[in-house]
Amino acid sequence: MSKFALVTGATSGIGQAFAERLAADGYDLVITGRRQDRLAEFADSHPEVKVRTVAADLSTEAGLDTVAEICATEPLTMLVNNAGIAHYMPLAELPAAQARELVNVKVLAPTMLTRAVVGGMQARGAGTIINVAGMIAFSGPAPHAQMPRRVVYAGTLAYLVAMSQTLSAELEGTGVIVQVVCPGVVATEFHQRQGIDLSAVPRMTPGDVVTASLRGLELGETVCAPGVQDAGLLQAIFQADLAAFGGQSPELAQRYHTA
């Protein structure tokens, strides 16, 4: 089976790094993003593989439908759901249009593209789906003073973690592999677009994120955290999740009884 990947948000940062690495590994590509000039520049600089460019805004119904149709009809062996947007601000200050855009790009688009691609991958008995989230997915318990407020953004990333874990279990034995990669702060244009200057903050490179993701696939990791040295920390989270899930009862917990 020939290697054929679709990468969303491929015009910069982690998405571009994925596209570069996959092209070097001999993958033919479909790359999507909002900027046709950057897509064309990438295709022109990689004549060694077939590169199809699709300018699409995944926050719109038309853009999402265009890419979903490709996922449903082309024999993709890998889908990288990378496209993202931040919109960091407290919920009460987040304009409705930006909230909708964020949920469309980081929740609706990965859901619908994965739905579109997974049937064909199952039928072919092979495929890989990579969802790009972030360590902010695990930041929910942080107190007010610890982090800037980014309620919707954190929620979308947490969704990607839960979705990927659940889908990975659902597809066990089918030959289709699911991973969610959760980097920390990465040196990309991502924060600059939000007017956030992180030039003085130590940051991982997009290439390192891709290296971790692809090695994580070899290691069988469903959740890949490129900057977490002790993988046992992640396992402790997952075990606690399952313990809480398994500890429920149809009886009202004692602490909720009135005196």
C-alpha atoms as a PDB file:
ATOM      1  CA  MET A   1       0.000   0.000   0.000  1.00  0.00           C
ATOM      2  CA  SER A   2       1.424   3.385  -0.986  1.00  0.00           C
ATOM      3  CA  LYS A   3       1.913   5.962   1.781  1.00  0.00           C
ATOM      4  CA  PHE A   4      -0.603   8.781   1.423  1.00  0.00           C
ATOM      5  CA  ALA A   5      -1.275  11.414   4.101  1.00  0.00           C
ATOM      6  CA  LEU A   6      -3.537  14.403   4.555  1.00  0.00           C
ATOM      7  CA  VAL A   7      -2.282  17.143   6.874  1.00  0.00           C
ATOM      8  CA  THR A   8      -4.479  20.051   7.975  1.00  0.00           C
ATOM      9  CA  GLY A   9      -2.995  23.384   8.960  1.00  0.00           C
ATOM     10  CA  ALA A  10       0.076  22.547   6.890  1.00  0.00           C
ATOM     11  CA  THR A  11       1.162  26.101   6.050  1.00  0.00           C
ATOM     12  CA  SER A  12       3.219  26.682   9.205  1.00  0.00           C
ATOM     13  CA  GLY A  13       4.389  25.291  12.524  1.00  0.00           C
ATOM     14  CA  ILE A  14       3.664  21.704  13.510  1.00  0.00           C
ATOM     15  CA  GLY A  15       1.544  21.017  10.424  1.00  0.00           C
ATOM     16  CA  GLN A  16       4.302  22.123   8.090  1.00  0.00           C
ATOM     17  CA  ALA A  17       6.821  20.073  10.067  1.00  0.00           C
ATOM     18  CA  PHE A  18       4.582  16.993   9.703  1.00  0.00           C
ATOM     19  CA  ALA A  19       4.283  17.589   5.967  1.00  0.00           C
ATOM     20  CA  GLU A  20       8.053  18.034   5.614  1.00  0.00           C
ATOM     21  CA  ARG A  21       8.807  14.834   7.544  1.00  0.00           C
ATOM     22  CA  LEU A  22       6.202  12.763   5.757  1.00  0.00           C
ATOM     23  CA  ALA A  23       7.411  13.970   2.359  1.00  0.00           C
ATOM     24  CA  ALA A  24      10.955  12.986   3.352  1.00  0.00           C
ATOM     25  CA  ASP A  25       9.584   9.565   4.320  1.00  0.00           C
ATOM     26  CA  GLY A  26       8.067   9.133   0.850  1.00  0.00           C
ATOM     27  CA  TYR A  27       4.457   9.994   1.550  1.00  0.00           C
ATOM     28  CA  ASP A  28       2.319  11.520  -1.170  1.00  0.00           C
ATOM     29  CA  LEU A  29       0.404  14.368   0.428  1.00  0.00           C
ATOM     30  CA  VAL A  30      -2.769  16.358   0.515  1.00  0.00           C
ATOM     31  CA  ILE A  31      -2.012  19.544   2.439  1.00  0.00           C
ATOM     32  CA  THR A  32      -4.666  21.991   3.562  1.00  0.00           C
ATOM     33  CA  GLY A  33      -4.602  25.476   5.027  1.00  0.00           C
ATOM     34  CA  ARG A  34      -6.016  28.928   4.574  1.00  0.00           C
ATOM     35  CA  ARG A  35      -3.085  30.373   2.592  1.00  0.00           C
ATOM     36  CA  GLN A  36      -2.854  29.121  -0.990  1.00  0.00           C
ATOM     37  CA  ASP A  37       0.487  30.884  -1.530  1.00  0.00           C
ATOM     38  CA  ARG A  38       2.161  28.903   1.230  1.00  0.00           C
ATOM     39  CA  LEU A  39       0.563  25.646   0.090  1.00  0.00           C
ATOM     40  CA  ALA A  40       1.848  26.241  -3.442  1.00  0.00           C
ATOM     41  CA  GLU A  41       5.302  27.106  -2.134  1.00  0.00           C
ATOM     42  CA  PHE A  42       5.459  23.807  -0.255  1.00  0.00           C
ATOM     43  CA  ALA A  43       4.310  21.811  -3.294  1.00  0.00           C
ATOM     44  CA  ASP A  44       6.846  23.511  -5.561  1.00  0.00           C
ATOM     45  CA  SER A  45       9.665  22.716  -3.152  1.00  0.00           C
ATOM     46  CA  HIS A  46       8.800  18.991  -2.940  1.00  0.00           C
ATOM     47  CA  PRO A  47       8.777  17.646  -6.507  1.00  0.00           C
ATOM     48  CA  GLU A  48       9.953  14.249  -5.241  1.00  0.00           C
ATOM     49  CA  VAL A  49       6.434  13.388  -4.027  1.00  0.00           C
ATOM     50  CA  LYS A  50       2.919  14.099  -5.227  1.00  0.00           C
ATOM     51  CA  VAL A  51       1.481  17.075  -3.344  1.00  0.00           C
ATOM     52  CA  ARG A  52      -2.123  18.155  -3.752  1.00  0.00           C
ATOM     53  CA  THR A  53      -2.945  21.529  -2.240  1.00  0.00           C
ATOM     54  CA  VAL A  54      -6.395  22.399  -0.929  1.00  0.00           C
ATOM     55  CA  ALA A  55      -7.022  25.926   0.318  1.00  0.00           C
ATOM     56  CA  ALA A  56      -9.782  25.524   2.891  1.00  0.00           C
ATOM     57  CA  ASP A  57     -10.943  27.235   6.051  1.00  0.00           C
ATOM     58  CA  LEU A  58     -12.006  24.463   8.424  1.00  0.00           C
ATOM     59  CA  SER A  59     -14.008  26.888  10.532  1.00  0.00           C
ATOM     60  CA  THR A  60     -16.521  27.109   7.671  1.00  0.00           C
ATOM     61  CA  GLU A  61     -19.005  24.496   6.519  1.00  0.00           C
ATOM     62  CA  ALA A  62     -17.783  24.709   2.924  1.00  0.00           C
ATOM     63  CA  GLY A  63     -14.134  24.293   3.867  1.00  0.00           C
ATOM     64  CA  LEU A  64     -14.838  21.372   6.166  1.00  0.00           C
ATOM     65  CA  ASP A  65     -17.057  19.622   3.624  1.00  0.00           C
ATOM     66  CA  THR A  66     -14.352  19.960   0.945  1.00  0.00           C
ATOM     67  CA  VAL A  67     -11.700  18.291   3.093  1.00  0.00           C
ATOM     68  CA  ALA A  68     -14.100  15.680   4.493  1.00  0.00           C
ATOM     69  CA  GLU A  69     -14.938  14.603   0.949  1.00  0.00           C
ATOM     70  CA  ILE A  70     -11.253  13.949   0.290  1.00  0.00           C
ATOM     71  CA  CYS A  71     -10.977  11.971   3.525  1.00  0.00           C
ATOM     72  CA  ALA A  72     -13.988   9.867   2.557  1.00  0.00           C
ATOM     73  CA  THR A  73     -12.966   9.121  -1.033  1.00  0.00           C
ATOM     74  CA  GLU A  74      -9.151   8.970  -1.155  1.00  0.00           C
ATOM     75  CA  PRO A  75      -7.151   5.934   0.083  1.00  0.00           C
ATOM     76  CA  LEU A  76      -5.394   7.825   2.862  1.00  0.00           C
ATOM     77  CA  THR A  77      -3.015   5.902   5.085  1.00  0.00           C
ATOM     78  CA  MET A  78      -2.579   8.802   7.520  1.00  0.00           C
ATOM     79  CA  LEU A  79      -4.662  11.765   8.648  1.00  0.00           C
ATOM     80  CA  VAL A  80      -3.053  14.514  10.727  1.00  0.00           C
ATOM     81  CA  ASN A  81      -5.664  16.767  12.324  1.00  0.00           C
ATOM     82  CA  ASN A  82      -3.380  19.671  13.135  1.00  0.00           C
ATOM     83  CA  ALA A  83      -5.233  22.867  12.180  1.00  0.00           C
ATOM     84  CA  GLY A  84      -5.705  25.160  15.139  1.00  0.00           C
ATOM     85  CA  ILE A  85      -6.407  28.610  16.447  1.00  0.00           C
ATOM     86  CA  ALA A  86      -5.995  29.931  19.967  1.00  0.00           C
ATOM     87  CA  HIS A  87      -8.236  32.850  20.988  1.00  0.00           C
ATOM     88  CA  TYR A  88      -6.879  33.007  24.526  1.00  0.00           C
ATOM     89  CA  MET A  89      -9.183  35.021  26.767  1.00  0.00           C
ATOM     90  CA  PRO A  90     -11.706  34.589  29.599  1.00  0.00           C
ATOM     91  CA  LEU A  91     -15.008  33.157  28.441  1.00  0.00           C
ATOM     92  CA  ALA A  92     -17.036  36.291  29.152  1.00  0.00           C
ATOM     93  CA  GLU A  93     -14.652  38.287  26.952  1.00  0.00           C
ATOM     94  CA  LEU A  94     -14.528  35.786  24.083  1.00  0.00           C
ATOM     95  CA  PRO A  95     -16.568  37.058  21.117  1.00  0.00           C
ATOM     96  CA  ALA A  96     -19.194  34.584  19.962  1.00  0.00           C
ATOM     97  CA  ALA A  97     -17.680  34.412  16.467  1.00  0.00           C
ATOM     98  CA  GLN A  98     -14.277  33.481  17.860  1.00  0.00           C
ATOM     99  CA  ALA A  99     -15.746  30.878  20.202  1.00  0.00           C
ATOM    100  CA  ARG A 100     -17.565  29.315  17.265  1.00  0.00           C
ATOM    101  CA  GLU A 101     -14.439  29.397  15.106  1.00  0.00           C
ATOM    102  CA  LEU A 102     -12.354  27.723  17.784  1.00  0.00           C
ATOM    103  CA  VAL A 103     -14.848  24.925  18.405  1.00  0.00           C
ATOM    104  CA  ASN A 104     -15.297  24.411  14.664  1.00  0.00           C
ATOM    105  CA  VAL A 105     -11.556  24.073  14.037  1.00  0.00           C
ATOM    106  CA  LYS A 106     -10.499  22.050  17.088  1.00  0.00           C
ATOM    107  CA  VAL A 107     -13.610  19.950  17.796  1.00  0.00           C
ATOM    108  CA  LEU A 108     -15.947  19.774  14.817  1.00  0.00           C
ATOM    109  CA  ALA A 109     -13.285  19.518  12.100  1.00  0.00           C
ATOM    110  CA  PRO A 110     -11.227  16.702  13.687  1.00  0.00           C
ATOM    111  CA  THR A 111     -14.447  14.847  14.480  1.00  0.00           C
ATOM    112  CA  MET A 112     -15.865  15.057  10.979  1.00  0.00           C
ATOM    113  CA  LEU A 113     -12.576  14.412   9.167  1.00  0.00           C
ATOM    114  CA  THR A 114     -11.877  11.402  11.365  1.00  0.00           C
ATOM    115  CA  ARG A 115     -15.404  10.136  10.808  1.00  0.00           C
ATOM    116  CA  ALA A 116     -14.937  10.531   7.060  1.00  0.00           C
ATOM    117  CA  VAL A 117     -11.609   8.696   6.910  1.00  0.00           C
ATOM    118  CA  VAL A 118     -12.050   5.897   9.404  1.00  0.00           C
ATOM    119  CA  GLY A 119     -14.426   3.705   7.421  1.00  0.00           C
ATOM    120  CA  GLY A 120     -12.046   3.409   4.480  1.00  0.00           C
ATOM    121  CA  MET A 121      -9.097   2.752   6.768  1.00  0.00           C
ATOM    122  CA  GLN A 122     -11.025  -0.031   8.484  1.00  0.00           C
ATOM    123  CA  ALA A 123     -11.962  -1.557   5.146  1.00  0.00           C
ATOM    124  CA  ARG A 124      -8.300  -1.499   4.068  1.00  0.00           C
ATOM    125  CA  GLY A 125      -7.184  -2.844   7.430  1.00  0.00           C
ATOM    126  CA  ALA A 126      -4.625  -0.114   8.038  1.00  0.00           C
ATOM    127  CA  GLY A 127      -4.326   3.582   8.794  1.00  0.00           C
ATOM    128  CA  THR A 128      -3.111   6.156  11.281  1.00  0.00           C
ATOM    129  CA  ILE A 129      -5.008   9.125  12.705  1.00  0.00           C
ATOM    130  CA  ILE A 130      -3.042  11.768  14.610  1.00  0.00           C
ATOM    131  CA  ASN A 131      -4.824  14.537  16.488  1.00  0.00           C
ATOM    132  CA  VAL A 132      -2.719  17.508  17.598  1.00  0.00           C
ATOM    133  CA  ALA A 133      -3.834  18.794  21.002  1.00  0.00           C
ATOM    134  CA  GLY A 134      -1.609  20.181  23.754  1.00  0.00           C
ATOM    135  CA  MET A 135      -0.667  19.890  27.410  1.00  0.00           C
ATOM    136  CA  ILE A 136      -3.226  22.595  28.201  1.00  0.00           C
ATOM    137  CA  ALA A 137      -5.711  19.711  27.931  1.00  0.00           C
ATOM    138  CA  PHE A 138      -4.513  18.690  31.408  1.00  0.00           C
ATOM    139  CA  SER A 139      -4.544  22.205  32.908  1.00  0.00           C
ATOM    140  CA  GLY A 140      -8.160  22.289  34.083  1.00  0.00           C
ATOM    141  CA  PRO A 141      -7.387  21.904  37.822  1.00  0.00           C
ATOM    142  CA  ALA A 142      -4.895  24.808  37.751  1.00  0.00           C
ATOM    143  CA  PRO A 143      -5.828  27.620  40.176  1.00  0.00           C
ATOM    144  CA  HIS A 144      -6.666  31.099  38.930  1.00  0.00           C
ATOM    145  CA  ALA A 145      -3.220  32.557  39.566  1.00  0.00           C
ATOM    146  CA  GLN A 146      -1.325  29.805  37.792  1.00  0.00           C
ATOM    147  CA  MET A 147      -2.368  30.248  34.185  1.00  0.00           C
ATOM    148  CA  PRO A 148      -4.034  32.751  31.871  1.00  0.00           C
ATOM    149  CA  ARG A 149      -7.673  31.896  31.287  1.00  0.00           C
ATOM    150  CA  ARG A 150      -8.377  30.061  28.043  1.00  0.00           C
ATOM    151  CA  VAL A 151     -11.519  28.130  28.824  1.00  0.00           C
ATOM    152  CA  VAL A 152     -12.737  27.133  25.375  1.00  0.00           C
ATOM    153  CA  TYR A 153      -9.247  26.405  24.071  1.00  0.00           C
ATOM    154  CA  ALA A 154      -8.448  24.098  26.994  1.00  0.00           C
ATOM    155  CA  GLY A 155     -11.801  22.385  26.592  1.00  0.00           C
ATOM    156  CA  THR A 156     -11.273  21.658  22.910  1.00  0.00           C
ATOM    157  CA  LEU A 157      -7.886  20.066  23.596  1.00  0.00           C
ATOM    158  CA  ALA A 158      -9.309  17.949  26.408  1.00  0.00           C
ATOM    159  CA  TYR A 159     -11.969  16.768  23.968  1.00  0.00           C
ATOM    160  CA  LEU A 160      -9.283  15.649  21.539  1.00  0.00           C
ATOM    161  CA  VAL A 161      -7.574  13.617  24.259  1.00  0.00           C
ATOM    162  CA  ALA A 162     -10.783  11.854  25.309  1.00  0.00           C
ATOM    163  CA  MET A 163     -11.895  11.349  21.713  1.00  0.00           C
ATOM    164  CA  SER A 164      -8.560   9.840  20.709  1.00  0.00           C
ATOM    165  CA  GLN A 165      -8.390   7.493  23.679  1.00  0.00           C
ATOM    166  CA  THR A 166     -11.948   6.287  23.176  1.00  0.00           C
ATOM    167  CA  LEU A 167     -11.541   5.879  19.413  1.00  0.00           C
ATOM    168  CA  SER A 168      -8.270   4.011  19.879  1.00  0.00           C
ATOM    169  CA  ALA A 169     -10.083   1.459  22.040  1.00  0.00           C
ATOM    170  CA  GLU A 170     -12.993   1.313  19.595  1.00  0.00           C
ATOM    171  CA  LEU A 171     -10.633   0.492  16.725  1.00  0.00           C
ATOM    172  CA  GLU A 172      -8.561  -2.106  18.560  1.00  0.00           C
ATOM    173  CA  GLY A 173      -7.779  -5.019  16.269  1.00  0.00           C
ATOM    174  CA  THR A 174      -8.755  -3.212  13.060  1.00  0.00           C
ATOM    175  CA  GLY A 175      -5.266  -2.118  12.018  1.00  0.00           C
ATOM    176  CA  VAL A 176      -6.198   1.548  12.451  1.00  0.00           C
ATOM    177  CA  ILE A 177      -4.057   3.412  14.994  1.00  0.00           C
ATOM    178  CA  VAL A 178      -5.089   6.602  16.789  1.00  0.00           C
ATOM    179  CA  GLN A 179      -2.800   9.019  18.602  1.00  0.00           C
ATOM    180  CA  VAL A 180      -3.196  12.413  20.230  1.00  0.00           C
ATOM    181  CA  VAL A 181      -0.008  14.439  20.558  1.00  0.00           C
ATOM    182  CA  CYS A 182       0.147  16.985  23.376  1.00  0.00           C
ATOM    183  CA  PRO A 183       3.094  19.361  23.099  1.00  0.00           C
ATOM    184  CA  GLY A 184       3.723  22.234  25.462  1.00  0.00           C
ATOM    185  CA  VAL A 185       4.863  25.614  24.183  1.00  0.00           C
ATOM    186  CA  VAL A 186       6.231  25.248  20.645  1.00  0.00           C
ATOM    187  CA  ALA A 187       8.209  27.777  18.590  1.00  0.00           C
ATOM    188  CA  THR A 188       5.643  28.573  15.872  1.00  0.00           C
ATOM    189  CA  GLU A 189       3.619  31.546  14.604  1.00  0.00           C
ATOM    190  CA  PHE A 190       0.683  30.329  16.692  1.00  0.00           C
ATOM    191  CA  HIS A 191       1.073  32.707  19.645  1.00  0.00           C
ATOM    192  CA  GLN A 192       2.261  35.622  17.513  1.00  0.00           C
ATOM    193  CA  ARG A 193      -1.106  35.644  15.781  1.00  0.00           C
ATOM    194  CA  GLN A 194      -2.713  36.199  19.179  1.00  0.00           C
ATOM    195  CA  GLY A 195      -0.357  39.086  19.950  1.00  0.00           C
ATOM    196  CA  ILE A 196       1.524  37.023  22.558  1.00  0.00           C
ATOM    197  CA  ASP A 197       5.315  37.436  22.713  1.00  0.00           C
ATOM    198  CA  LEU A 198       6.956  34.212  23.887  1.00  0.00           C
ATOM    199  CA  SER A 199      10.384  34.913  22.413  1.00  0.00           C
ATOM    200  CA  ALA A 200      11.991  34.780  25.860  1.00  0.00           C
ATOM    201  CA  VAL A 201      10.299  31.480  26.813  1.00  0.00           C
ATOM    202  CA  PRO A 202      12.128  28.182  26.145  1.00  0.00           C
ATOM    203  CA  ARG A 203      10.156  26.382  23.452  1.00  0.00           C
ATOM    204  CA  MET A 204      10.255  23.052  21.668  1.00  0.00           C
ATOM    205  CA  THR A 205      10.705  22.997  17.896  1.00  0.00           C
ATOM    206  CA  PRO A 206       7.922  21.749  15.612  1.00  0.00           C
ATOM    207  CA  GLY A 207      10.345  19.133  14.299  1.00  0.00           C
ATOM    208  CA  ASP A 208      10.807  17.721  17.789  1.00  0.00           C
ATOM    209  CA  VAL A 209       7.034  17.422  18.165  1.00  0.00           C
ATOM    210  CA  VAL A 210       6.857  15.412  14.947  1.00  0.00           C
ATOM    211  CA  THR A 211       9.778  13.227  16.023  1.00  0.00           C
ATOM    212  CA  ALA A 212       8.008  12.456  19.301  1.00  0.00           C
ATOM    213  CA  SER A 213       4.707  11.714  17.569  1.00  0.00           C
ATOM    214  CA  LEU A 214       6.178   9.285  15.048  1.00  0.00           C
ATOM    215  CA  ARG A 215       8.340   7.577  17.678  1.00  0.00           C
ATOM    216  CA  GLY A 216       5.304   7.468  19.967  1.00  0.00           C
ATOM    217  CA  LEU A 217       3.448   5.520  17.287  1.00  0.00           C
ATOM    218  CA  GLU A 218       6.270   2.979  17.295  1.00  0.00           C
ATOM    219  CA  LEU A 219       6.023   2.758  21.090  1.00  0.00           C
ATOM    220  CA  GLY A 220       2.274   2.221  20.949  1.00  0.00           C
ATOM    221  CA  GLU A 221       1.412   5.477  22.747  1.00  0.00           C
ATOM    222  CA  THR A 222      -2.132   6.699  22.294  1.00  0.00           C
ATOM    223  CA  VAL A 223      -1.299   9.883  24.217  1.00  0.00           C
ATOM    224  CA  CYS A 224       2.071  11.334  23.226  1.00  0.00           C
ATOM    225  CA  ALA A 225       3.462  14.118  25.428  1.00  0.00           C
ATOM    226  CA  PRO A 226       6.749  15.193  23.805  1.00  0.00           C
ATOM    227  CA  GLY A 227       7.976  17.259  26.756  1.00  0.00           C
ATOM    228  CA  VAL A 228       7.045  14.927  29.635  1.00  0.00           C
ATOM    229  CA  GLN A 229      10.125  12.976  30.647  1.00  0.00           C
ATOM    230  CA  ASP A 230       8.348  10.683  33.127  1.00  0.00           C
ATOM    231  CA  ALA A 231       5.680   8.778  31.197  1.00  0.00           C
ATOM    232  CA  GLY A 232       4.474   7.411  34.519  1.00  0.00           C
ATOM    233  CA  LEU A 233       2.871  10.785  35.219  1.00  0.00           C
ATOM    234  CA  LEU A 234       0.543  10.260  32.288  1.00  0.00           C
ATOM    235  CA  GLN A 235      -0.237   6.702  33.330  1.00  0.00           C
ATOM    236  CA  ALA A 236      -1.131   7.976  36.805  1.00  0.00           C
ATOM    237  CA  ILE A 237      -3.640  10.388  35.244  1.00  0.00           C
ATOM    238  CA  PHE A 238      -5.240   7.656  33.187  1.00  0.00           C
ATOM    239  CA  GLN A 239      -5.386   5.202  36.107  1.00  0.00           C
ATOM    240  CA  ALA A 240      -7.003   7.864  38.297  1.00  0.00           C
ATOM    241  CA  ASP A 241      -9.528   8.577  35.549  1.00  0.00           C
ATOM    242  CA  LEU A 242     -10.494   4.913  35.370  1.00  0.00           C
ATOM    243  CA  ALA A 243     -10.576   4.587  39.154  1.00  0.00           C
ATOM    244  CA  ALA A 244     -13.037   7.488  39.394  1.00  0.00           C
ATOM    245  CA  PHE A 245     -15.080   6.081  36.512  1.00  0.00           C
ATOM    246  CA  GLY A 246     -15.163   2.650  38.147  1.00  0.00           C
ATOM    247  CA  GLY A 247     -15.858   4.054  41.618  1.00  0.00           C
ATOM    248  CA  GLN A 248     -19.324   5.326  40.813  1.00  0.00           C
ATOM    249  CA  SER A 249     -22.447   3.854  42.358  1.00  0.00           C
ATOM    250  CA  PRO A 250     -26.203   4.251  41.905  1.00  0.00           C
ATOM    251  CA  GLU A 251     -26.268   5.324  45.570  1.00  0.00           C
ATOM    252  CA  LEU A 252     -25.803   8.975  46.505  1.00  0.00           C
ATOM    253  CA  ALA A 253     -22.294   9.543  47.866  1.00  0.00           C
ATOM    254  CA  GLN A 254     -22.213  10.064  51.642  1.00  0.00           C
ATOM    255  CA  ARG A 255     -20.774  13.587  51.412  1.00  0.00           C
ATOM    256  CA  TYR A 256     -23.951  14.760  49.681  1.00  0.00           C
ATOM    257  CA  HIS A 257     -26.239  13.634  52.494  1.00  0.00           C
ATOM    258  CA  THR A 258     -27.441  16.427  54.731  1.00  0.00           C
ATOM    259  CA  ALA A 259     -26.647  16.232  58.408  1.00  0.00           C
END
